[in-house]
Amino acid sequence: MTEESIVWTGHPSQWQNIGWFIACLLLIPIPVALWKWLETRNTIYSLSDQRLKFTRGVLTKTTEDLELYRVRDTKFEQGFFERMVGLGHVQLFTTDESSPGIVLPYIQGAEAVREKIRGLVEARRDAKRVRFLETE
């Protein structure tokens, strides 16, 4: 088995919690905002040349892997607010039955991350000689 090399590591931006932070100033207790901050901080995406790994959890950790050759298509989304702060969402459409759709929300440089994923998916498919047939 060939050794993996990590290409990118990241996590969602805390901007996704701005509503919770503002609400803590006005309505709800600060521990809720602290918990949201911890959840975001402990969500880590790691992209290698073979797979995308998701690690989530504050008290209990969960790790999921997605083999890159299973990615069928990608999508990049960036709303007005995200454009202002340089963030975006990368959505992956896969053939994995447990995770047919995966979203990487509020990623810094999301368009570049999507392009990295696309290139690595093609390289991995070529290495494994995998092709998908589309049916109507």
Protein backbone atom coordinates (compact mmCIF):
# COMPACT_ATOMS: atom_id res chain seq x y z
CA MET A 1 0.00 0.00 0.00
CA THR A 2 1.32 3.43 -0.90
CA GLU A 3 1.81 6.02 1.77
CA GLU A 4 -0.63 8.93 1.83
CA SER A 5 0.51 12.52 1.73
CA ILE A 6 -1.64 15.24 3.27
CA VAL A 7 -2.48 17.95 0.74
CA TRP A 8 -4.73 20.24 2.81
CA THR A 9 -6.03 20.49 6.35
CA GLY A 10 -8.70 22.92 7.50
CA HIS A 11 -11.80 23.50 9.53
CA PRO A 12 -14.94 25.63 9.27
CA SER A 13 -14.63 29.30 10.09
CA GLN A 14 -16.08 30.70 13.30
CA TRP A 15 -18.07 33.06 11.07
CA GLN A 16 -20.67 30.31 10.88
CA ASN A 17 -21.43 31.03 14.56
CA ILE A 18 -21.82 34.80 14.28
CA GLY A 19 -25.57 34.53 14.93
CA TRP A 20 -24.97 32.54 18.11
CA PHE A 21 -22.34 35.00 19.30
CA ILE A 22 -24.66 37.96 18.77
CA ALA A 23 -27.54 36.09 20.44
CA CYS A 24 -25.34 35.50 23.49
CA LEU A 25 -24.88 39.22 23.84
CA LEU A 26 -28.62 39.77 23.70
CA LEU A 27 -30.62 36.70 24.73
CA ILE A 28 -28.93 33.44 25.66
CA PRO A 29 -26.14 32.48 28.04
CA ILE A 30 -22.52 32.69 26.96
CA PRO A 31 -21.86 28.93 27.50
CA VAL A 32 -23.95 28.23 24.38
CA ALA A 33 -21.64 30.39 22.27
CA LEU A 34 -18.61 28.76 23.89
CA TRP A 35 -20.00 25.30 23.02
CA LYS A 36 -20.59 26.37 19.39
CA TRP A 37 -17.05 27.72 19.23
CA LEU A 38 -15.67 24.41 20.56
CA GLU A 39 -17.74 22.37 18.07
CA THR A 40 -16.43 24.42 15.16
CA ARG A 41 -12.85 24.37 16.43
CA ASN A 42 -12.95 20.57 16.83
CA THR A 43 -14.22 19.92 13.31
CA ILE A 44 -11.18 19.13 11.19
CA TYR A 45 -11.01 18.19 7.52
CA SER A 46 -7.89 16.51 6.24
CA LEU A 47 -7.42 15.96 2.50
CA SER A 48 -4.78 13.51 1.34
CA ASP A 49 -4.01 12.23 -2.12
CA GLN A 50 -6.26 9.21 -1.39
CA ARG A 51 -9.12 10.30 0.88
CA LEU A 52 -10.91 13.08 2.70
CA LYS A 53 -11.06 12.58 6.45
CA PHE A 54 -13.56 14.34 8.76
CA THR A 55 -12.99 14.48 12.51
CA ARG A 56 -15.76 15.98 14.68
CA GLY A 57 -16.64 16.16 18.34
CA VAL A 58 -15.83 17.93 21.56
CA LEU A 59 -16.29 15.27 24.22
CA THR A 60 -16.58 12.28 21.88
CA LYS A 61 -14.63 12.20 18.61
CA THR A 62 -16.01 10.73 15.40
CA THR A 63 -13.88 10.21 12.31
CA GLU A 64 -15.23 9.44 8.84
CA ASP A 65 -13.30 8.78 5.65
CA LEU A 66 -14.33 9.30 2.06
CA GLU A 67 -12.20 7.60 -0.58
CA LEU A 68 -11.60 10.17 -3.31
CA TYR A 69 -12.35 7.81 -6.18
CA ARG A 70 -15.98 7.75 -4.89
CA VAL A 71 -16.53 11.46 -5.58
CA ARG A 72 -18.77 11.91 -8.64
CA ASP A 73 -19.11 15.69 -8.72
CA THR A 74 -18.32 18.86 -6.79
CA LYS A 75 -20.08 22.16 -6.26
CA PHE A 76 -18.85 25.50 -4.94
CA GLU A 77 -21.25 27.96 -3.29
CA GLN A 78 -20.54 31.39 -1.92
CA GLY A 79 -23.23 33.74 -0.68
CA PHE A 80 -22.88 37.49 -0.40
CA PHE A 81 -21.72 37.42 3.24
CA GLU A 82 -19.24 34.61 2.54
CA ARG A 83 -17.80 36.56 -0.39
CA MET A 84 -17.21 39.54 1.90
CA VAL A 85 -15.14 37.46 4.34
CA GLY A 86 -13.49 35.10 1.82
CA LEU A 87 -15.34 31.91 2.74
CA GLY A 88 -17.37 29.37 0.81
CA HIS A 89 -19.02 25.96 0.84
CA VAL A 90 -17.73 22.93 -1.04
CA GLN A 91 -20.29 20.23 -1.71
CA LEU A 92 -19.30 16.71 -2.81
CA PHE A 93 -21.65 14.27 -4.50
CA THR A 94 -20.46 10.71 -3.98
CA THR A 95 -21.27 7.07 -4.66
CA ASP A 96 -20.71 6.27 -0.98
CA GLU A 97 -23.98 4.87 0.40
CA SER A 98 -23.39 6.16 3.94
CA SER A 99 -22.52 9.70 2.76
CA PRO A 100 -24.01 10.44 -0.68
CA GLY A 101 -23.66 14.20 -0.16
CA ILE A 102 -21.01 15.94 1.92
CA VAL A 103 -20.72 19.67 2.61
CA LEU A 104 -17.60 21.43 3.84
CA PRO A 105 -19.11 24.68 5.16
CA TYR A 106 -17.46 28.05 5.71
CA ILE A 107 -14.06 27.05 4.31
CA GLN A 108 -11.34 29.63 3.76
CA GLY A 109 -10.27 29.53 0.10
CA ALA A 110 -13.08 27.11 -0.72
CA GLU A 111 -12.80 27.48 -4.49
CA ALA A 112 -9.11 26.48 -4.40
CA VAL A 113 -9.93 23.56 -2.09
CA ARG A 114 -12.59 22.38 -4.54
CA GLU A 115 -10.10 22.53 -7.40
CA LYS A 116 -7.57 20.53 -5.35
CA ILE A 117 -10.23 17.91 -4.64
CA ARG A 118 -11.19 17.70 -8.33
CA GLY A 119 -7.58 17.15 -9.39
CA LEU A 120 -6.96 14.55 -6.69
CA VAL A 121 -10.20 12.71 -7.54
CA GLU A 122 -9.15 12.37 -11.18
CA ALA A 123 -5.66 11.23 -10.22
CA ARG A 124 -7.05 8.67 -7.77
CA ARG A 125 -9.55 7.34 -10.30
CA ASP A 126 -6.74 6.91 -12.83
CA ALA A 127 -4.55 5.15 -10.24
CA LYS A 128 -7.35 2.73 -9.31
CA ARG A 129 -8.68 2.50 -12.89
CA VAL A 130 -12.17 3.46 -11.76
CA ARG A 131 -14.80 4.92 -14.08
CA PHE A 132 -18.46 5.69 -13.45
CA LEU A 133 -21.16 5.03 -16.00
CA GLU A 134 -24.02 7.46 -15.95
CA THR A 135 -27.49 6.00 -16.40
CA GLU A 136 -30.57 7.91 -17.40
